[in-house]
Amino acid sequence: MSEQPAIQARGLVKRYGRITAVDEVDLTVSPGDVYGYLGPNGAGKTTTLRMMLGLIRPDAGTVKLFGRDPLLEGVRALDGVAGFVEAPRFYPYLTGAKNLELVAALDGGDAAARIGEALDVVELTDRARDKVGGYSHGMRQRLGLAGALLREPRLLILDEPATGLDPGGMRDMRLLIRRLADQGITVLLSSHLMAEVEELCDRVVIISSGAVRYEGALDDLIATTAGRYELRTTDDARAAEIAAAQRGIDEVAHNARGLTFAADERATMALSIALGEAGVGIAALVPRTATLEELFFRMTEEADAPAPQPHLDAKPADVAAEVRA
């Protein structure tokens, strides 16, 4: 029998009055995935995570964690699941170790015996006896991860773990998440930091205004932009004229770094010959795929663009026709 998905959401909907925060979201996180959950602030990411963990009830749809529904099976559905939604919370007047003792007491079993190991994994052993009130933001985030690791999770759900960190803290958090993933822990990483997701994740879902715009392999998404090139020459203005006149060369654009264009390999080879015959030297001609950030903005900004409005000088009958259309 095949292994159950770590997370399977189907048709998730959450409304607050007239606002639809989450709109028919489907996603599947397989065991072993490092899965990026992307969307601008207010897109519905945190609301979805809360529904996944059974913290709020969806208006429609289902979520299963390793085949178990948190709304039907309660805490049993969260066996092997850990993480935090928004920022982890601790008692600032207690030490890091004491806070973890309280977390372990909630889980019971031998969770307390794993405190030392968890602190070592997140590199907080030397600060374990210091009060959390004196911790930096990055240290609190890592302490939150330590608390999650006490559960020996198979699935980690992390909501914006690098938000508010300085560049060094972001790097340390990425390295830590990568180490945990390499140990076989499935990770769902909710983030709006594209570089973080592009470096860590193998699958992504992109949502905007509560709805899914893309769900699948990150490599497949990037591959959709294949067939574009960057070109730098000794005379970019002349090169742009030649490229625009060349058969099979499309979308020629000129910017401060040179030219970009869309073409297949044969047309690109013909362009390089044409440039040489015209006496234009080629400094660089390299394939270019879009970054995740470019694709993210393309998807979310197109999705969030306002619908066309009726012309202000239209007659009432024309307005009604436009609205019906």
Protein backbone atom coordinates (compact mmCIF):
# COMPACT_ATOMS: atom_id res chain seq x y z
CA MET A 1 0.00 0.00 0.00
CA SER A 2 1.39 3.45 -0.94
CA GLU A 3 2.32 5.89 1.81
CA GLN A 4 -0.29 8.49 2.72
CA PRO A 5 0.48 12.12 1.77
CA ALA A 6 1.90 14.15 4.64
CA ILE A 7 -0.74 16.80 3.85
CA GLN A 8 -3.70 16.54 1.53
CA ALA A 9 -6.04 19.53 1.25
CA ARG A 10 -9.05 19.46 -1.04
CA GLY A 11 -11.43 22.33 -1.74
CA LEU A 12 -10.50 24.32 1.37
CA VAL A 13 -12.65 27.41 1.86
CA LYS A 14 -12.68 29.93 4.70
CA ARG A 15 -14.86 33.02 4.74
CA TYR A 16 -15.02 35.94 7.16
CA GLY A 17 -18.28 37.68 6.44
CA ARG A 18 -18.19 38.77 2.80
CA ILE A 19 -14.44 38.17 2.52
CA THR A 20 -13.21 34.81 1.18
CA ALA A 21 -9.80 34.35 2.81
CA VAL A 22 -9.19 30.88 1.34
CA ASP A 23 -10.88 29.93 -1.91
CA GLU A 24 -11.01 26.26 -2.99
CA VAL A 25 -7.37 25.47 -2.14
CA ASP A 26 -6.05 22.06 -3.21
CA LEU A 27 -2.53 20.92 -2.38
CA THR A 28 -0.63 17.70 -1.74
CA VAL A 29 2.60 17.44 0.27
CA SER A 30 4.27 14.06 -0.13
CA PRO A 31 6.57 12.51 2.49
CA GLY A 32 10.09 13.85 2.01
CA ASP A 33 9.00 17.07 0.28
CA VAL A 34 10.38 20.46 1.18
CA TYR A 35 7.27 22.30 0.09
CA GLY A 36 7.04 26.06 -0.31
CA TYR A 37 3.72 27.77 0.41
CA LEU A 38 3.97 31.17 -1.25
CA GLY A 39 1.77 34.21 -1.36
CA PRO A 40 1.79 37.92 -0.58
CA ASN A 41 0.78 39.12 2.88
CA GLY A 42 -2.96 38.66 3.29
CA ALA A 43 -3.17 35.93 0.64
CA GLY A 44 -4.58 33.36 3.07
CA LYS A 45 -1.44 31.40 3.95
CA THR A 46 -1.73 31.55 7.74
CA THR A 47 -5.48 30.87 7.62
CA THR A 48 -4.79 27.72 5.60
CA LEU A 49 -2.14 26.57 8.09
CA ARG A 50 -4.59 27.03 10.95
CA MET A 51 -7.12 24.86 9.15
CA MET A 52 -4.46 22.22 8.53
CA LEU A 53 -3.76 22.01 12.25
CA GLY A 54 -7.43 21.98 13.26
CA LEU A 55 -7.16 25.39 14.95
CA ILE A 56 -10.05 26.77 12.90
CA ARG A 57 -12.82 24.99 11.04
CA PRO A 58 -13.07 25.36 7.24
CA ASP A 59 -16.37 26.45 5.73
CA ALA A 60 -15.87 23.79 3.06
CA GLY A 61 -13.30 21.19 2.08
CA THR A 62 -11.06 18.78 3.99
CA VAL A 63 -7.50 18.48 5.28
CA LYS A 64 -5.77 15.22 6.15
CA LEU A 65 -2.37 14.80 7.80
CA PHE A 66 -0.95 11.38 6.99
CA GLY A 67 -4.52 10.35 6.20
CA ARG A 68 -6.05 11.71 9.44
CA ASP A 69 -8.53 14.60 9.69
CA PRO A 70 -7.77 16.92 12.66
CA LEU A 71 -11.44 17.90 12.93
CA LEU A 72 -12.55 14.28 13.23
CA GLU A 73 -9.64 12.72 15.14
CA GLY A 74 -8.50 15.69 17.22
CA VAL A 75 -5.04 15.53 18.71
CA ARG A 76 -4.46 12.00 17.35
CA ALA A 77 -4.29 13.50 13.86
CA LEU A 78 -1.31 15.61 14.97
CA ASP A 79 0.91 12.65 15.90
CA GLY A 80 4.22 13.24 14.15
CA VAL A 81 3.28 16.83 13.26
CA ALA A 82 4.94 19.91 14.76
CA GLY A 83 5.85 23.49 13.99
CA PHE A 84 4.47 26.96 14.61
CA VAL A 85 2.00 29.35 13.04
CA GLU A 86 3.14 32.98 13.07
CA ALA A 87 5.86 33.48 15.72
CA PRO A 88 6.54 30.94 18.50
CA ARG A 89 5.58 32.18 21.97
CA PHE A 90 7.56 31.64 25.18
CA TYR A 91 7.62 32.90 28.77
CA PRO A 92 10.30 35.63 28.65
CA TYR A 93 11.07 35.39 32.37
CA LEU A 94 11.99 31.68 32.11
CA THR A 95 15.11 30.18 30.59
CA GLY A 96 15.14 28.51 27.21
CA ALA A 97 15.56 25.10 28.83
CA LYS A 98 12.69 25.70 31.28
CA ASN A 99 10.39 26.76 28.45
CA LEU A 100 11.20 23.54 26.62
CA GLU A 101 10.50 21.55 29.80
CA LEU A 102 6.99 23.02 29.82
CA VAL A 103 6.54 22.14 26.14
CA ALA A 104 7.76 18.59 26.84
CA ALA A 105 5.34 18.24 29.76
CA LEU A 106 2.43 18.94 27.41
CA ASP A 107 3.53 16.13 25.10
CA GLY A 108 4.40 13.70 27.85
CA GLY A 109 6.25 10.47 27.17
CA ASP A 110 9.99 10.83 26.83
CA ALA A 111 9.89 14.29 25.22
CA ALA A 112 11.81 15.80 28.14
CA ALA A 113 14.71 13.43 27.47
CA ARG A 114 15.16 15.02 24.03
CA ILE A 115 15.58 18.62 25.24
CA GLY A 116 19.36 18.53 25.21
CA GLU A 117 19.48 17.03 21.73
CA ALA A 118 16.96 19.57 20.39
CA LEU A 119 18.95 22.50 21.83
CA ASP A 120 22.09 21.09 20.25
CA VAL A 121 20.43 20.77 16.81
CA VAL A 122 19.38 24.45 16.83
CA GLU A 123 22.71 25.52 18.35
CA LEU A 124 21.31 27.00 21.55
CA THR A 125 23.00 24.75 24.10
CA ASP A 126 25.24 27.58 25.32
CA ARG A 127 22.23 29.84 25.94
CA ALA A 128 19.87 27.23 27.39
CA ARG A 129 20.15 28.66 30.94
CA ASP A 130 19.58 32.26 29.85
CA LYS A 131 16.15 33.86 30.12
CA VAL A 132 14.26 34.02 26.82
CA GLY A 133 13.63 37.73 27.40
CA GLY A 134 17.28 38.28 26.50
CA TYR A 135 17.14 36.24 23.31
CA SER A 136 17.33 37.81 19.87
CA HIS A 137 14.47 37.29 17.43
CA GLY A 138 16.51 34.66 15.59
CA MET A 139 17.22 32.77 18.80
CA ARG A 140 13.51 32.69 19.64
CA GLN A 141 12.76 31.31 16.19
CA ARG A 142 15.35 28.59 16.72
CA LEU A 143 13.94 27.85 20.18
CA GLY A 144 10.56 27.41 18.51
CA LEU A 145 12.11 24.83 16.21
CA ALA A 146 13.67 23.10 19.21
CA GLY A 147 10.24 22.86 20.80
CA ALA A 148 8.87 21.34 17.60
CA LEU A 149 11.69 18.78 17.48
CA LEU A 150 10.76 17.44 20.92
CA ARG A 151 7.85 15.69 19.18
CA GLU A 152 10.19 13.77 16.83
CA PRO A 153 8.12 15.08 13.92
CA ARG A 154 7.69 13.48 10.53
CA LEU A 155 6.15 16.76 9.33
CA LEU A 156 7.25 20.29 10.22
CA ILE A 157 4.90 23.19 9.44
CA LEU A 158 6.78 26.49 9.61
CA ASP A 159 5.09 29.85 9.11
CA GLU A 160 7.56 32.56 7.99
CA PRO A 161 10.48 31.24 10.10
CA ALA A 162 12.98 33.74 8.63
CA THR A 163 10.81 36.87 8.80
CA GLY A 164 12.48 39.63 10.82
CA LEU A 165 15.90 37.99 10.78
CA ASP A 166 19.05 39.74 9.63
CA PRO A 167 20.92 38.22 6.64
CA GLY A 168 23.06 36.06 8.94
CA GLY A 169 20.00 34.81 10.78
CA MET A 170 18.26 34.00 7.50
CA ARG A 171 21.26 31.99 6.36
CA ASP A 172 21.40 30.07 9.64
CA MET A 173 17.67 29.32 9.48
CA ARG A 174 17.97 28.03 5.89
CA LEU A 175 20.88 25.79 6.83
CA LEU A 176 18.95 24.43 9.80
CA ILE A 177 15.84 23.66 7.73
CA ARG A 178 18.01 22.01 5.09
CA ARG A 179 19.64 19.79 7.73
CA LEU A 180 16.26 18.73 9.09
CA ALA A 181 15.00 17.95 5.58
CA ASP A 182 18.12 15.90 4.90
CA GLN A 183 17.22 13.84 7.96
CA GLY A 184 13.97 12.82 6.26
CA ILE A 185 11.58 15.31 7.89
CA THR A 186 8.88 16.62 5.54
CA VAL A 187 8.75 20.42 5.66
CA LEU A 188 5.94 22.79 4.71
CA LEU A 189 7.50 26.25 4.59
CA SER A 190 5.11 29.20 4.37
CA SER A 191 7.02 32.25 3.20
CA HIS A 192 7.03 35.36 1.05
CA LEU A 193 10.86 35.29 0.77
CA MET A 194 11.50 33.98 -2.73
CA ALA A 195 15.24 33.36 -2.36
CA GLU A 196 14.59 31.24 0.72
CA VAL A 197 12.03 29.09 -1.08
CA GLU A 198 14.04 28.79 -4.30
CA GLU A 199 17.06 27.55 -2.35
CA LEU A 200 15.21 25.10 -0.10
CA CYS A 201 12.06 23.79 -1.77
CA ASP A 202 11.45 21.18 -4.45
CA ARG A 203 7.69 21.75 -4.74
CA VAL A 204 5.64 24.93 -4.35
CA VAL A 205 2.12 26.27 -4.28
CA ILE A 206 1.53 29.93 -5.12
CA ILE A 207 -1.67 31.55 -3.89
CA SER A 208 -3.11 35.00 -4.37
CA SER A 209 -6.38 36.37 -2.97
CA GLY A 210 -6.92 32.99 -1.33
CA ALA A 211 -6.82 30.96 -4.57
CA VAL A 212 -4.14 28.65 -6.00
CA ARG A 213 -2.27 30.05 -9.04
CA TYR A 214 0.27 27.21 -9.35
CA GLU A 215 0.91 23.92 -7.56
CA GLY A 216 3.67 21.51 -8.52
CA ALA A 217 7.41 21.00 -8.92
CA LEU A 218 9.55 24.14 -8.70
CA ASP A 219 11.76 22.92 -11.57
CA ASP A 220 8.70 22.47 -13.79
CA LEU A 221 7.59 26.02 -13.05
CA ILE A 222 11.02 27.48 -13.86
CA ALA A 223 11.22 25.35 -17.03
CA THR A 224 8.14 27.08 -18.44
CA THR A 225 10.34 30.10 -19.12
CA ALA A 226 12.97 28.20 -21.15
CA GLY A 227 13.80 29.60 -24.58
CA ARG A 228 14.86 33.06 -23.45
CA TYR A 229 18.37 34.48 -23.82
CA GLU A 230 20.49 37.36 -22.57
CA LEU A 231 22.84 39.05 -25.03
CA ARG A 232 25.63 41.60 -24.49
CA THR A 233 27.50 43.00 -27.46
CA THR A 234 29.88 45.73 -28.51
CA ASP A 235 26.92 47.68 -29.95
CA ASP A 236 23.64 46.77 -28.23
CA ALA A 237 21.58 49.31 -30.17
CA ARG A 238 22.69 47.85 -33.51
CA ALA A 239 22.26 44.31 -32.15
CA ALA A 240 18.67 45.11 -31.17
CA GLU A 241 17.90 46.23 -34.74
CA ILE A 242 19.41 43.07 -36.20
CA ALA A 243 17.61 40.82 -33.71
CA ALA A 244 14.25 42.49 -34.36
CA ALA A 245 14.66 41.85 -38.12
CA GLN A 246 15.73 38.23 -37.68
CA ARG A 247 13.24 35.44 -38.31
CA GLY A 248 12.37 33.44 -35.18
CA ILE A 249 13.57 36.13 -32.73
CA ASP A 250 10.74 37.51 -30.58
CA GLU A 251 10.22 39.79 -27.57
CA VAL A 252 13.46 41.72 -28.06
CA ALA A 253 14.04 44.05 -25.12
CA HIS A 254 16.91 46.44 -24.41
CA ASN A 255 17.93 47.25 -20.82
CA ALA A 256 20.97 48.48 -18.93
CA ARG A 257 22.51 44.98 -18.90
CA GLY A 258 22.08 44.37 -22.63
CA LEU A 259 19.37 42.59 -24.62
CA THR A 260 16.91 39.83 -23.89
CA PHE A 261 14.89 37.90 -26.46
CA ALA A 262 12.88 34.71 -26.97
CA ALA A 263 13.95 32.17 -29.59
CA ASP A 264 14.71 28.53 -30.23
CA GLU A 265 18.28 27.27 -30.57
CA ARG A 266 18.34 27.38 -34.38
CA ALA A 267 17.19 31.03 -34.52
CA THR A 268 19.73 31.97 -31.84
CA MET A 269 22.56 30.43 -33.86
CA ALA A 270 21.41 32.33 -36.95
CA LEU A 271 21.36 35.57 -34.94
CA SER A 272 24.94 35.07 -33.78
CA ILE A 273 26.03 34.62 -37.41
CA ALA A 274 24.11 37.75 -38.46
CA LEU A 275 25.75 39.79 -35.72
CA GLY A 276 29.20 38.62 -36.77
CA GLU A 277 28.53 39.49 -40.42
CA ALA A 278 27.43 42.98 -39.30
CA GLY A 279 30.64 43.46 -37.33
CA VAL A 280 28.91 43.39 -33.92
CA GLY A 281 30.99 41.53 -31.36
CA ILE A 282 29.28 39.18 -28.89
CA ALA A 283 30.44 39.64 -25.29
CA ALA A 284 27.93 37.18 -23.83
CA LEU A 285 25.04 35.07 -25.12
CA VAL A 286 23.50 32.91 -22.41
CA PRO A 287 20.20 31.07 -21.86
CA ARG A 288 18.04 32.67 -19.20
CA THR A 289 15.14 31.32 -17.19
CA ALA A 290 12.95 33.48 -14.98
CA THR A 291 13.60 33.53 -11.26
CA LEU A 292 10.94 32.34 -8.86
CA GLU A 293 10.49 35.96 -7.79
CA GLU A 294 9.71 37.05 -11.36
CA LEU A 295 7.22 34.22 -11.83
CA PHE A 296 5.64 34.90 -8.45
CA PHE A 297 5.00 38.56 -9.25
CA ARG A 298 3.76 37.69 -12.72
CA MET A 299 1.20 35.25 -11.32
CA THR A 300 0.04 37.22 -8.31
CA GLU A 301 -0.08 40.64 -9.94
CA GLU A 302 -2.02 39.36 -12.94
CA ALA A 303 -4.43 37.54 -10.64
CA ASP A 304 -4.95 40.60 -8.44
CA ALA A 305 -5.34 43.09 -11.30
CA PRO A 306 -8.70 44.87 -11.10
CA ALA A 307 -11.35 43.85 -13.59
CA PRO A 308 -11.93 46.26 -16.50
CA GLN A 309 -14.37 49.00 -15.57
CA PRO A 310 -17.16 50.33 -17.81
CA HIS A 311 -16.21 53.49 -19.71
CA LEU A 312 -17.28 56.63 -17.87
CA ASP A 313 -18.85 58.08 -21.01
CA ALA A 314 -20.83 54.93 -21.85
CA LYS A 315 -24.60 55.03 -22.02
CA PRO A 316 -26.59 53.14 -19.34
CA ALA A 317 -27.48 50.35 -21.78
CA ASP A 318 -23.79 49.95 -22.72
CA VAL A 319 -22.78 49.77 -19.07
CA ALA A 320 -25.32 47.05 -18.38
CA ALA A 321 -24.04 45.06 -21.35
CA GLU A 322 -20.44 45.33 -20.14
CA VAL A 323 -21.35 44.22 -16.63
CA ARG A 324 -23.29 41.21 -17.96
CA ALA A 325 -20.32 40.28 -20.13
